[in-house]
Amino acid sequence: MPLKNTGTEQHIKDTAKRLLFAEGKLHATTQEIADAAGVNRTALHYYFRSRDLLIAAIFQDAMQDLSQRINDCMLAQQPFKIKTSNMIAFFFQHMMAFPYQETFLVTEINTIGKQLITDMQSKPVKAYLKEAAAEMEKGTIAKMNPVHFLMNLFSLLSYPLMMAPVYQQLFHVEEKGWRKLMEERKEVIMRMLFE
């Protein structure tokens, strides 16, 4: 059996990620992915025996990458407010580049189930929640269960990006105007959480 070319395998995954996450083609077929990658469908099936296996590999990569970046933000040796601001900046930068990734991840979790999530680390989340509780004791943020603080943060980040096509039409905002709104939103979220 010939050795697999991991460069081709990675190229197929990168192409699928672009189609799914950047272009929003969440139902792209293996033929569409193969065509976009410049390989034939037989080659795609050589690396990924089915669309489901390709989607599972993309899901794992995306979850691992997103988790690692958020974990790095949460564990950074910085004051809590700066750490939170950096997490917001990272999240928006990433999600503006890949606006459909969040929708893809949530859809896959709901479709295939929680067994797909294997690399979630609780240490960074626990550390961040502990810092949030300490900030509440200092009075710098409103007192609540720290879990609500983190859920509020993620909700304020995710929801507008997941609903972007609806909001752009509802508010008659073109892409450039939408990007400006999302830049403004970073500060809006910080004010909501810390004032």
N, C-alpha and C. Protein backbone atom coordinates (compact mmCIF):
# COMPACT_ATOMS: atom_id res chain seq x y z
N MET A 1 0.85 -1.19 0.00
CA MET A 1 0.00 0.00 0.00
C MET A 1 0.90 1.25 0.00
N PRO A 2 0.67 2.22 -0.90
CA PRO A 2 1.51 3.41 -0.95
C PRO A 2 1.30 4.28 0.28
N LEU A 3 2.37 5.01 0.62
CA LEU A 3 2.28 5.95 1.74
C LEU A 3 1.40 7.12 1.35
N LYS A 4 0.62 7.60 2.31
CA LYS A 4 -0.24 8.75 2.05
C LYS A 4 0.60 10.03 2.02
N ASN A 5 0.23 10.93 1.15
CA ASN A 5 0.88 12.23 1.07
C ASN A 5 0.16 13.17 2.02
N THR A 6 0.79 13.42 3.17
CA THR A 6 0.10 14.24 4.19
C THR A 6 -0.08 15.67 3.72
N GLY A 7 0.75 16.11 2.75
CA GLY A 7 0.55 17.44 2.19
C GLY A 7 -0.76 17.53 1.43
N THR A 8 -1.08 16.48 0.69
CA THR A 8 -2.35 16.44 -0.04
C THR A 8 -3.51 16.34 0.94
N GLU A 9 -3.33 15.50 1.95
CA GLU A 9 -4.38 15.35 2.96
C GLU A 9 -4.67 16.69 3.64
N GLN A 10 -3.61 17.40 4.01
CA GLN A 10 -3.79 18.71 4.66
C GLN A 10 -4.42 19.71 3.70
N HIS A 11 -4.02 19.66 2.43
CA HIS A 11 -4.59 20.56 1.43
C HIS A 11 -6.10 20.33 1.29
N ILE A 12 -6.51 19.09 1.29
CA ILE A 12 -7.94 18.77 1.22
C ILE A 12 -8.66 19.34 2.43
N LYS A 13 -8.09 19.14 3.63
CA LYS A 13 -8.73 19.67 4.84
C LYS A 13 -8.78 21.20 4.80
N ASP A 14 -7.69 21.83 4.40
CA ASP A 14 -7.66 23.31 4.33
C ASP A 14 -8.69 23.83 3.35
N THR A 15 -8.83 23.15 2.21
CA THR A 15 -9.82 23.55 1.21
C THR A 15 -11.24 23.39 1.76
N ALA A 16 -11.48 22.26 2.43
CA ALA A 16 -12.80 22.04 3.02
C ALA A 16 -13.10 23.09 4.08
N LYS A 17 -12.11 23.43 4.89
CA LYS A 17 -12.30 24.47 5.92
C LYS A 17 -12.65 25.81 5.27
N ARG A 18 -11.96 26.14 4.18
CA ARG A 18 -12.27 27.40 3.49
C ARG A 18 -13.70 27.40 2.99
N LEU A 19 -14.10 26.30 2.36
CA LEU A 19 -15.47 26.22 1.84
C LEU A 19 -16.50 26.30 2.97
N LEU A 20 -16.26 25.56 4.04
CA LEU A 20 -17.22 25.49 5.15
C LEU A 20 -17.19 26.75 6.01
N PHE A 21 -16.00 27.15 6.45
CA PHE A 21 -15.87 28.21 7.46
C PHE A 21 -15.87 29.63 6.88
N ALA A 22 -15.23 29.80 5.73
CA ALA A 22 -15.13 31.15 5.16
C ALA A 22 -16.24 31.45 4.16
N GLU A 23 -16.63 30.44 3.38
CA GLU A 23 -17.63 30.66 2.35
C GLU A 23 -19.03 30.22 2.76
N GLY A 24 -19.14 29.50 3.87
CA GLY A 24 -20.45 29.10 4.37
C GLY A 24 -21.11 27.97 3.62
N LYS A 25 -20.35 27.20 2.86
CA LYS A 25 -20.92 26.07 2.12
C LYS A 25 -20.94 24.85 3.03
N LEU A 26 -21.80 24.89 4.03
CA LEU A 26 -21.84 23.86 5.07
C LEU A 26 -22.28 22.50 4.55
N HIS A 27 -22.92 22.48 3.41
CA HIS A 27 -23.38 21.21 2.84
C HIS A 27 -22.57 20.83 1.60
N ALA A 28 -21.35 21.35 1.51
CA ALA A 28 -20.51 21.03 0.34
C ALA A 28 -20.34 19.52 0.23
N THR A 29 -20.46 19.03 -0.98
CA THR A 29 -20.31 17.60 -1.22
C THR A 29 -18.82 17.26 -1.34
N THR A 30 -18.51 15.97 -1.29
CA THR A 30 -17.12 15.56 -1.48
C THR A 30 -16.64 15.95 -2.88
N GLN A 31 -17.54 15.92 -3.86
CA GLN A 31 -17.16 16.33 -5.22
C GLN A 31 -16.80 17.81 -5.25
N GLU A 32 -17.60 18.64 -4.59
CA GLU A 32 -17.31 20.08 -4.55
C GLU A 32 -15.99 20.35 -3.84
N ILE A 33 -15.74 19.63 -2.76
CA ILE A 33 -14.48 19.81 -2.02
C ILE A 33 -13.31 19.34 -2.88
N ALA A 34 -13.46 18.19 -3.52
CA ALA A 34 -12.40 17.67 -4.39
C ALA A 34 -12.11 18.65 -5.53
N ASP A 35 -13.16 19.17 -6.16
CA ASP A 35 -12.98 20.13 -7.25
C ASP A 35 -12.24 21.37 -6.77
N ALA A 36 -12.66 21.90 -5.64
CA ALA A 36 -12.02 23.11 -5.10
C ALA A 36 -10.56 22.86 -4.73
N ALA A 37 -10.27 21.63 -4.29
CA ALA A 37 -8.90 21.27 -3.89
C ALA A 37 -8.03 20.89 -5.10
N GLY A 38 -8.68 20.70 -6.26
CA GLY A 38 -7.93 20.32 -7.45
C GLY A 38 -7.48 18.87 -7.43
N VAL A 39 -8.27 18.03 -6.75
CA VAL A 39 -7.98 16.58 -6.75
C VAL A 39 -9.23 15.86 -7.22
N ASN A 40 -9.08 14.61 -7.62
CA ASN A 40 -10.28 13.89 -8.00
C ASN A 40 -10.92 13.27 -6.75
N ARG A 41 -12.17 12.90 -6.89
CA ARG A 41 -12.91 12.39 -5.74
C ARG A 41 -12.31 11.09 -5.20
N THR A 42 -11.71 10.32 -6.06
CA THR A 42 -11.05 9.08 -5.63
C THR A 42 -9.91 9.41 -4.67
N ALA A 43 -9.15 10.45 -4.99
CA ALA A 43 -8.05 10.87 -4.11
C ALA A 43 -8.59 11.34 -2.77
N LEU A 44 -9.67 12.08 -2.81
CA LEU A 44 -10.26 12.55 -1.55
C LEU A 44 -10.69 11.36 -0.70
N HIS A 45 -11.30 10.37 -1.32
CA HIS A 45 -11.76 9.19 -0.58
C HIS A 45 -10.59 8.32 -0.12
N TYR A 46 -9.44 8.44 -0.77
CA TYR A 46 -8.25 7.72 -0.32
C TYR A 46 -7.82 8.22 1.06
N TYR A 47 -7.90 9.55 1.26
CA TYR A 47 -7.50 10.15 2.54
C TYR A 47 -8.63 10.11 3.56
N PHE A 48 -9.84 10.30 3.09
CA PHE A 48 -11.02 10.33 3.97
C PHE A 48 -12.07 9.42 3.34
N ARG A 49 -12.30 8.30 3.92
CA ARG A 49 -13.15 7.26 3.33
C ARG A 49 -14.58 7.72 3.06
N SER A 50 -15.01 8.76 3.77
CA SER A 50 -16.37 9.28 3.58
C SER A 50 -16.39 10.76 3.93
N ARG A 51 -17.46 11.42 3.54
CA ARG A 51 -17.63 12.83 3.90
C ARG A 51 -17.69 12.97 5.42
N ASP A 52 -18.34 12.02 6.08
CA ASP A 52 -18.44 12.07 7.54
C ASP A 52 -17.07 12.05 8.21
N LEU A 53 -16.15 11.23 7.68
CA LEU A 53 -14.80 11.17 8.26
C LEU A 53 -14.04 12.48 8.02
N LEU A 54 -14.23 13.07 6.85
CA LEU A 54 -13.60 14.37 6.56
C LEU A 54 -14.16 15.44 7.49
N ILE A 55 -15.48 15.47 7.64
CA ILE A 55 -16.12 16.46 8.52
C ILE A 55 -15.65 16.26 9.96
N ALA A 56 -15.55 15.01 10.41
CA ALA A 56 -15.09 14.74 11.78
C ALA A 56 -13.65 15.23 11.97
N ALA A 57 -12.80 15.03 10.97
CA ALA A 57 -11.40 15.49 11.06
C ALA A 57 -11.34 17.01 11.11
N ILE A 58 -12.15 17.67 10.29
CA ILE A 58 -12.19 19.14 10.28
C ILE A 58 -12.72 19.65 11.61
N PHE A 59 -13.75 19.01 12.13
CA PHE A 59 -14.32 19.39 13.42
C PHE A 59 -13.26 19.30 14.52
N GLN A 60 -12.56 18.17 14.57
CA GLN A 60 -11.54 17.99 15.61
C GLN A 60 -10.45 19.05 15.50
N ASP A 61 -9.98 19.32 14.29
CA ASP A 61 -8.96 20.35 14.09
C ASP A 61 -9.45 21.71 14.55
N ALA A 62 -10.67 22.06 14.16
CA ALA A 62 -11.23 23.37 14.50
C ALA A 62 -11.42 23.51 16.00
N MET A 63 -11.96 22.46 16.64
CA MET A 63 -12.17 22.51 18.10
C MET A 63 -10.83 22.61 18.83
N GLN A 64 -9.87 21.85 18.38
CA GLN A 64 -8.56 21.85 19.03
C GLN A 64 -7.90 23.23 18.90
N ASP A 65 -7.94 23.79 17.68
CA ASP A 65 -7.33 25.09 17.44
C ASP A 65 -8.02 26.19 18.24
N LEU A 66 -9.35 26.22 18.18
CA LEU A 66 -10.09 27.24 18.91
C LEU A 66 -9.89 27.10 20.42
N SER A 67 -9.97 25.87 20.91
CA SER A 67 -9.78 25.63 22.35
C SER A 67 -8.39 26.06 22.79
N GLN A 68 -7.38 25.72 22.00
CA GLN A 68 -6.01 26.07 22.37
C GLN A 68 -5.83 27.58 22.45
N ARG A 69 -6.37 28.29 21.46
CA ARG A 69 -6.22 29.75 21.45
C ARG A 69 -6.97 30.41 22.61
N ILE A 70 -8.18 29.93 22.87
CA ILE A 70 -8.94 30.49 23.99
C ILE A 70 -8.27 30.12 25.31
N ASN A 71 -7.79 28.89 25.43
CA ASN A 71 -7.07 28.48 26.64
C ASN A 71 -5.84 29.34 26.86
N ASP A 72 -5.10 29.63 25.80
CA ASP A 72 -3.92 30.49 25.92
C ASP A 72 -4.30 31.87 26.44
N CYS A 73 -5.42 32.40 25.93
CA CYS A 73 -5.89 33.70 26.42
C CYS A 73 -6.27 33.62 27.90
N MET A 74 -6.98 32.57 28.28
CA MET A 74 -7.44 32.43 29.66
C MET A 74 -6.29 32.25 30.64
N LEU A 75 -5.22 31.61 30.21
CA LEU A 75 -4.09 31.33 31.11
C LEU A 75 -2.98 32.38 31.03
N ALA A 76 -3.16 33.39 30.18
CA ALA A 76 -2.13 34.42 30.03
C ALA A 76 -1.88 35.12 31.37
N GLN A 77 -0.63 35.43 31.60
CA GLN A 77 -0.25 36.12 32.84
C GLN A 77 -0.49 37.63 32.66
N GLN A 78 -1.75 38.01 32.72
CA GLN A 78 -2.17 39.40 32.51
C GLN A 78 -3.30 39.71 33.47
N PRO A 79 -3.53 41.00 33.74
CA PRO A 79 -4.71 41.36 34.54
C PRO A 79 -5.98 40.86 33.84
N PHE A 80 -6.99 40.54 34.63
CA PHE A 80 -8.21 39.92 34.14
C PHE A 80 -8.88 40.72 33.02
N LYS A 81 -8.95 42.02 33.19
CA LYS A 81 -9.62 42.86 32.19
C LYS A 81 -8.87 42.82 30.85
N ILE A 82 -7.55 42.89 30.90
CA ILE A 82 -6.75 42.84 29.67
C ILE A 82 -6.88 41.46 29.02
N LYS A 83 -6.84 40.43 29.86
CA LYS A 83 -6.99 39.05 29.37
C LYS A 83 -8.33 38.90 28.64
N THR A 84 -9.39 39.44 29.22
CA THR A 84 -10.72 39.35 28.62
C THR A 84 -10.77 40.15 27.32
N SER A 85 -10.18 41.34 27.32
CA SER A 85 -10.13 42.16 26.11
C SER A 85 -9.37 41.44 25.00
N ASN A 86 -8.27 40.79 25.33
CA ASN A 86 -7.49 40.05 24.34
C ASN A 86 -8.28 38.86 23.79
N MET A 87 -9.06 38.21 24.66
CA MET A 87 -9.87 37.08 24.22
C MET A 87 -10.94 37.58 23.23
N ILE A 88 -11.53 38.71 23.51
CA ILE A 88 -12.54 39.30 22.62
C ILE A 88 -11.89 39.63 21.27
N ALA A 89 -10.72 40.27 21.31
CA ALA A 89 -10.03 40.64 20.07
C ALA A 89 -9.68 39.41 19.24
N PHE A 90 -9.15 38.38 19.90
CA PHE A 90 -8.82 37.14 19.18
C PHE A 90 -10.08 36.55 18.55
N PHE A 91 -11.13 36.45 19.35
CA PHE A 91 -12.34 35.80 18.88
C PHE A 91 -12.90 36.51 17.66
N PHE A 92 -12.97 37.85 17.73
CA PHE A 92 -13.52 38.58 16.58
C PHE A 92 -12.62 38.48 15.36
N GLN A 93 -11.32 38.54 15.55
CA GLN A 93 -10.41 38.41 14.42
C GLN A 93 -10.59 37.05 13.74
N HIS A 94 -10.65 36.02 14.54
CA HIS A 94 -10.80 34.67 14.00
C HIS A 94 -12.17 34.49 13.34
N MET A 95 -13.22 34.94 14.01
CA MET A 95 -14.56 34.72 13.50
C MET A 95 -14.88 35.61 12.29
N MET A 96 -14.24 36.74 12.17
CA MET A 96 -14.46 37.55 10.98
C MET A 96 -13.77 36.90 9.77
N ALA A 97 -12.67 36.20 10.01
CA ALA A 97 -11.98 35.48 8.93
C ALA A 97 -12.74 34.21 8.56
N PHE A 98 -13.36 33.57 9.56
CA PHE A 98 -14.08 32.31 9.35
C PHE A 98 -15.49 32.43 9.95
N PRO A 99 -16.35 33.23 9.31
CA PRO A 99 -17.64 33.57 9.91
C PRO A 99 -18.61 32.39 10.10
N TYR A 100 -18.39 31.29 9.40
CA TYR A 100 -19.33 30.17 9.51
C TYR A 100 -18.80 29.03 10.39
N GLN A 101 -17.62 29.22 10.97
CA GLN A 101 -17.04 28.14 11.77
C GLN A 101 -17.88 27.85 13.01
N GLU A 102 -18.34 28.88 13.67
CA GLU A 102 -19.14 28.68 14.89
C GLU A 102 -20.42 27.91 14.58
N THR A 103 -21.08 28.27 13.49
CA THR A 103 -22.30 27.57 13.09
C THR A 103 -21.99 26.11 12.78
N PHE A 104 -20.89 25.88 12.08
CA PHE A 104 -20.47 24.52 11.76
C PHE A 104 -20.25 23.71 13.05
N LEU A 105 -19.51 24.28 14.01
CA LEU A 105 -19.19 23.55 15.24
C LEU A 105 -20.46 23.20 16.02
N VAL A 106 -21.33 24.18 16.17
CA VAL A 106 -22.57 23.93 16.92
C VAL A 106 -23.43 22.90 16.21
N THR A 107 -23.52 23.01 14.90
CA THR A 107 -24.32 22.04 14.12
C THR A 107 -23.78 20.63 14.29
N GLU A 108 -22.47 20.49 14.19
CA GLU A 108 -21.87 19.16 14.32
C GLU A 108 -22.05 18.59 15.73
N ILE A 109 -21.91 19.43 16.74
CA ILE A 109 -22.12 18.96 18.12
C ILE A 109 -23.54 18.47 18.29
N ASN A 110 -24.49 19.23 17.76
CA ASN A 110 -25.90 18.85 17.89
C ASN A 110 -26.27 17.65 17.02
N THR A 111 -25.60 17.49 15.89
CA THR A 111 -25.91 16.40 14.97
C THR A 111 -25.26 15.09 15.40
N ILE A 112 -23.97 15.14 15.63
CA ILE A 112 -23.22 13.92 15.89
C ILE A 112 -23.11 13.62 17.38
N GLY A 113 -23.14 14.66 18.16
CA GLY A 113 -23.13 14.44 19.60
C GLY A 113 -21.85 14.86 20.28
N LYS A 114 -21.89 14.81 21.58
CA LYS A 114 -20.79 15.29 22.41
C LYS A 114 -19.53 14.43 22.29
N GLN A 115 -19.64 13.22 21.73
CA GLN A 115 -18.46 12.38 21.63
C GLN A 115 -17.39 13.00 20.74
N LEU A 116 -17.78 14.00 19.92
CA LEU A 116 -16.79 14.67 19.08
C LEU A 116 -15.85 15.56 19.89
N ILE A 117 -16.29 15.99 21.05
CA ILE A 117 -15.49 16.90 21.85
C ILE A 117 -14.59 16.08 22.76
N THR A 118 -13.33 15.96 22.36
CA THR A 118 -12.42 15.14 23.14
C THR A 118 -11.27 15.95 23.73
N ASP A 119 -11.09 17.19 23.28
CA ASP A 119 -9.89 17.91 23.67
C ASP A 119 -10.18 19.17 24.49
N MET A 120 -11.34 19.23 25.09
CA MET A 120 -11.68 20.40 25.90
C MET A 120 -10.92 20.30 27.22
N GLN A 121 -10.26 21.37 27.59
CA GLN A 121 -9.51 21.39 28.85
C GLN A 121 -10.28 22.19 29.88
N SER A 122 -10.42 21.64 31.06
CA SER A 122 -11.17 22.37 32.09
C SER A 122 -10.27 23.28 32.92
N LYS A 123 -8.95 23.01 32.94
CA LYS A 123 -8.05 23.82 33.77
C LYS A 123 -8.10 25.31 33.40
N PRO A 124 -7.97 25.69 32.12
CA PRO A 124 -8.04 27.11 31.78
C PRO A 124 -9.39 27.74 32.15
N VAL A 125 -10.48 27.01 31.92
CA VAL A 125 -11.80 27.54 32.24
C VAL A 125 -11.93 27.74 33.75
N LYS A 126 -11.51 26.75 34.53
CA LYS A 126 -11.57 26.88 36.00
C LYS A 126 -10.74 28.06 36.48
N ALA A 127 -9.54 28.22 35.91
CA ALA A 127 -8.68 29.34 36.31
C ALA A 127 -9.33 30.68 35.97
N TYR A 128 -9.93 30.77 34.79
CA TYR A 128 -10.59 32.01 34.37
C TYR A 128 -11.78 32.31 35.27
N LEU A 129 -12.57 31.29 35.59
CA LEU A 129 -13.74 31.49 36.46
C LEU A 129 -13.31 31.93 37.86
N LYS A 130 -12.21 31.38 38.34
CA LYS A 130 -11.69 31.77 39.65
C LYS A 130 -11.28 33.24 39.64
N GLU A 131 -10.64 33.67 38.56
CA GLU A 131 -10.27 35.09 38.43
C GLU A 131 -11.51 35.97 38.34
N ALA A 132 -12.52 35.50 37.62
CA ALA A 132 -13.77 36.27 37.52
C ALA A 132 -14.39 36.44 38.90
N ALA A 133 -14.40 35.38 39.69
CA ALA A 133 -14.95 35.45 41.06
C ALA A 133 -14.17 36.45 41.90
N ALA A 134 -12.85 36.46 41.75
CA ALA A 134 -12.02 37.41 42.50
C ALA A 134 -12.34 38.84 42.09
N GLU A 135 -12.55 39.07 40.79
CA GLU A 135 -12.91 40.41 40.32
C GLU A 135 -14.27 40.84 40.86
N MET A 136 -15.18 39.89 40.99
CA MET A 136 -16.50 40.20 41.57
C MET A 136 -16.35 40.61 43.03
N GLU A 137 -15.48 39.94 43.74
CA GLU A 137 -15.24 40.30 45.15
C GLU A 137 -14.63 41.69 45.26
N LYS A 138 -13.80 42.07 44.30
CA LYS A 138 -13.20 43.42 44.29
C LYS A 138 -14.20 44.48 43.87
N GLY A 139 -15.30 44.04 43.23
CA GLY A 139 -16.30 44.99 42.77
C GLY A 139 -16.06 45.53 41.38
N THR A 140 -15.12 44.94 40.63
CA THR A 140 -14.83 45.44 39.28
C THR A 140 -15.83 44.92 38.24
N ILE A 141 -16.49 43.82 38.57
CA ILE A 141 -17.58 43.32 37.73
C ILE A 141 -18.74 42.92 38.63
N ALA A 142 -19.94 42.91 38.06
CA ALA A 142 -21.14 42.60 38.83
C ALA A 142 -21.05 41.19 39.41
N LYS A 143 -21.57 41.05 40.63
CA LYS A 143 -21.57 39.73 41.27
C LYS A 143 -22.63 38.84 40.63
N MET A 144 -22.21 37.62 40.35
CA MET A 144 -23.08 36.59 39.78
C MET A 144 -22.29 35.29 39.86
N ASN A 145 -22.91 34.22 39.50
CA ASN A 145 -22.17 32.98 39.34
C ASN A 145 -21.16 33.22 38.22
N PRO A 146 -19.87 33.01 38.43
CA PRO A 146 -18.88 33.28 37.38
C PRO A 146 -19.17 32.57 36.05
N VAL A 147 -19.86 31.44 36.12
CA VAL A 147 -20.23 30.74 34.88
C VAL A 147 -21.09 31.65 34.01
N HIS A 148 -21.98 32.43 34.63
CA HIS A 148 -22.81 33.36 33.86
C HIS A 148 -21.95 34.42 33.18
N PHE A 149 -20.92 34.88 33.87
CA PHE A 149 -20.03 35.87 33.27
C PHE A 149 -19.42 35.33 31.98
N LEU A 150 -18.91 34.09 32.05
CA LEU A 150 -18.27 33.50 30.88
C LEU A 150 -19.29 33.18 29.79
N MET A 151 -20.47 32.69 30.16
CA MET A 151 -21.52 32.44 29.16
C MET A 151 -21.95 33.75 28.51
N ASN A 152 -22.06 34.82 29.31
CA ASN A 152 -22.41 36.13 28.75
C ASN A 152 -21.36 36.57 27.74
N LEU A 153 -20.09 36.41 28.12
CA LEU A 153 -19.01 36.80 27.22
C LEU A 153 -19.10 36.04 25.89
N PHE A 154 -19.22 34.72 25.95
CA PHE A 154 -19.27 33.94 24.73
C PHE A 154 -20.55 34.23 23.93
N SER A 155 -21.65 34.46 24.61
CA SER A 155 -22.90 34.79 23.90
C SER A 155 -22.79 36.12 23.18
N LEU A 156 -22.23 37.12 23.86
CA LEU A 156 -22.06 38.43 23.25
C LEU A 156 -21.13 38.38 22.05
N LEU A 157 -20.18 37.46 22.09
CA LEU A 157 -19.25 37.29 20.96
C LEU A 157 -19.89 36.51 19.82
N SER A 158 -20.46 35.37 20.14
CA SER A 158 -20.89 34.41 19.12
C SER A 158 -22.17 34.80 18.40
N TYR A 159 -23.16 35.19 19.13
CA TYR A 159 -24.49 35.34 18.54
C TYR A 159 -24.52 36.32 17.35
N PRO A 160 -23.94 37.52 17.48
CA PRO A 160 -23.99 38.43 16.34
C PRO A 160 -23.28 37.87 15.11
N LEU A 161 -22.21 37.11 15.32
CA LEU A 161 -21.48 36.55 14.19
C LEU A 161 -22.27 35.42 13.54
N MET A 162 -22.94 34.61 14.35
CA MET A 162 -23.75 33.53 13.80
C MET A 162 -24.96 34.08 13.04
N MET A 163 -25.46 35.21 13.48
CA MET A 163 -26.64 35.81 12.87
C MET A 163 -26.30 36.89 11.84
N ALA A 164 -25.03 37.00 11.48
CA ALA A 164 -24.58 38.09 10.60
C ALA A 164 -25.40 38.24 9.33
N PRO A 165 -25.68 37.17 8.58
CA PRO A 165 -26.46 37.37 7.35
C PRO A 165 -27.84 37.99 7.61
N VAL A 166 -28.49 37.58 8.70
CA VAL A 166 -29.80 38.13 9.05
C VAL A 166 -29.66 39.59 9.45
N TYR A 167 -28.67 39.89 10.32
CA TYR A 167 -28.49 41.26 10.79
C TYR A 167 -28.08 42.20 9.66
N GLN A 168 -27.23 41.73 8.75
CA GLN A 168 -26.82 42.58 7.64
C GLN A 168 -28.02 42.97 6.79
N GLN A 169 -28.94 42.03 6.59
CA GLN A 169 -30.14 42.34 5.81
C GLN A 169 -31.10 43.21 6.63
N LEU A 170 -31.29 42.86 7.90
CA LEU A 170 -32.22 43.59 8.75
C LEU A 170 -31.82 45.06 8.90
N PHE A 171 -30.52 45.29 9.10
CA PHE A 171 -30.03 46.66 9.33
C PHE A 171 -29.50 47.32 8.07
N HIS A 172 -29.65 46.63 6.91
CA HIS A 172 -29.18 47.16 5.62
C HIS A 172 -27.72 47.60 5.70
N VAL A 173 -26.88 46.66 6.14
CA VAL A 173 -25.46 46.93 6.32
C VAL A 173 -24.66 46.08 5.35
N GLU A 174 -23.82 46.72 4.56
CA GLU A 174 -22.93 46.00 3.65
C GLU A 174 -21.74 45.45 4.45
N GLU A 175 -20.91 44.65 3.79
CA GLU A 175 -19.79 43.97 4.47
C GLU A 175 -18.87 44.95 5.19
N LYS A 176 -18.52 46.06 4.55
CA LYS A 176 -17.62 47.04 5.16
C LYS A 176 -18.24 47.63 6.42
N GLY A 177 -19.52 47.97 6.35
CA GLY A 177 -20.21 48.51 7.51
C GLY A 177 -20.35 47.49 8.62
N TRP A 178 -20.54 46.22 8.24
CA TRP A 178 -20.65 45.16 9.24
C TRP A 178 -19.33 44.98 9.98
N ARG A 179 -18.23 45.02 9.25
CA ARG A 179 -16.91 44.90 9.89
C ARG A 179 -16.68 46.05 10.86
N LYS A 180 -17.13 47.24 10.49
CA LYS A 180 -16.99 48.40 11.39
C LYS A 180 -17.83 48.19 12.66
N LEU A 181 -19.04 47.68 12.50
CA LEU A 181 -19.89 47.38 13.66
C LEU A 181 -19.22 46.36 14.58
N MET A 182 -18.61 45.34 14.00
CA MET A 182 -17.96 44.31 14.81
C MET A 182 -16.73 44.85 15.53
N GLU A 183 -16.02 45.79 14.88
CA GLU A 183 -14.89 46.45 15.57
C GLU A 183 -15.41 47.25 16.76
N GLU A 184 -16.50 47.97 16.57
CA GLU A 184 -17.10 48.74 17.66
C GLU A 184 -17.58 47.82 18.78
N ARG A 185 -18.03 46.64 18.39
CA ARG A 185 -18.62 45.71 19.35
C ARG A 185 -17.62 45.26 20.42
N LYS A 186 -16.35 45.21 20.08
CA LYS A 186 -15.34 44.83 21.08
C LYS A 186 -15.44 45.74 22.30
N GLU A 187 -15.50 47.03 22.05
CA GLU A 187 -15.59 47.99 23.16
C GLU A 187 -16.95 47.94 23.84
N VAL A 188 -18.00 47.73 23.05
CA VAL A 188 -19.35 47.61 23.62
C VAL A 188 -19.41 46.46 24.61
N ILE A 189 -18.84 45.32 24.24
CA ILE A 189 -18.84 44.15 25.13
C ILE A 189 -18.05 44.44 26.40
N MET A 190 -16.89 45.06 26.25
CA MET A 190 -16.09 45.38 27.45
C MET A 190 -16.86 46.29 28.39
N ARG A 191 -17.56 47.30 27.84
CA ARG A 191 -18.33 48.20 28.69
C ARG A 191 -19.47 47.46 29.37
N MET A 192 -20.12 46.55 28.65
CA MET A 192 -21.22 45.80 29.24
C MET A 192 -20.75 44.90 30.38
N LEU A 193 -19.60 44.32 30.22
CA LEU A 193 -19.10 43.39 31.24
C LEU A 193 -18.42 44.07 32.41
N PHE A 194 -17.78 45.22 32.18
CA PHE A 194 -16.95 45.82 33.21
C PHE A 194 -17.45 47.14 33.74
N GLU A 195 -18.59 47.63 33.29
CA GLU A 195 -19.08 48.91 33.84
C GLU A 195 -20.48 48.78 34.38
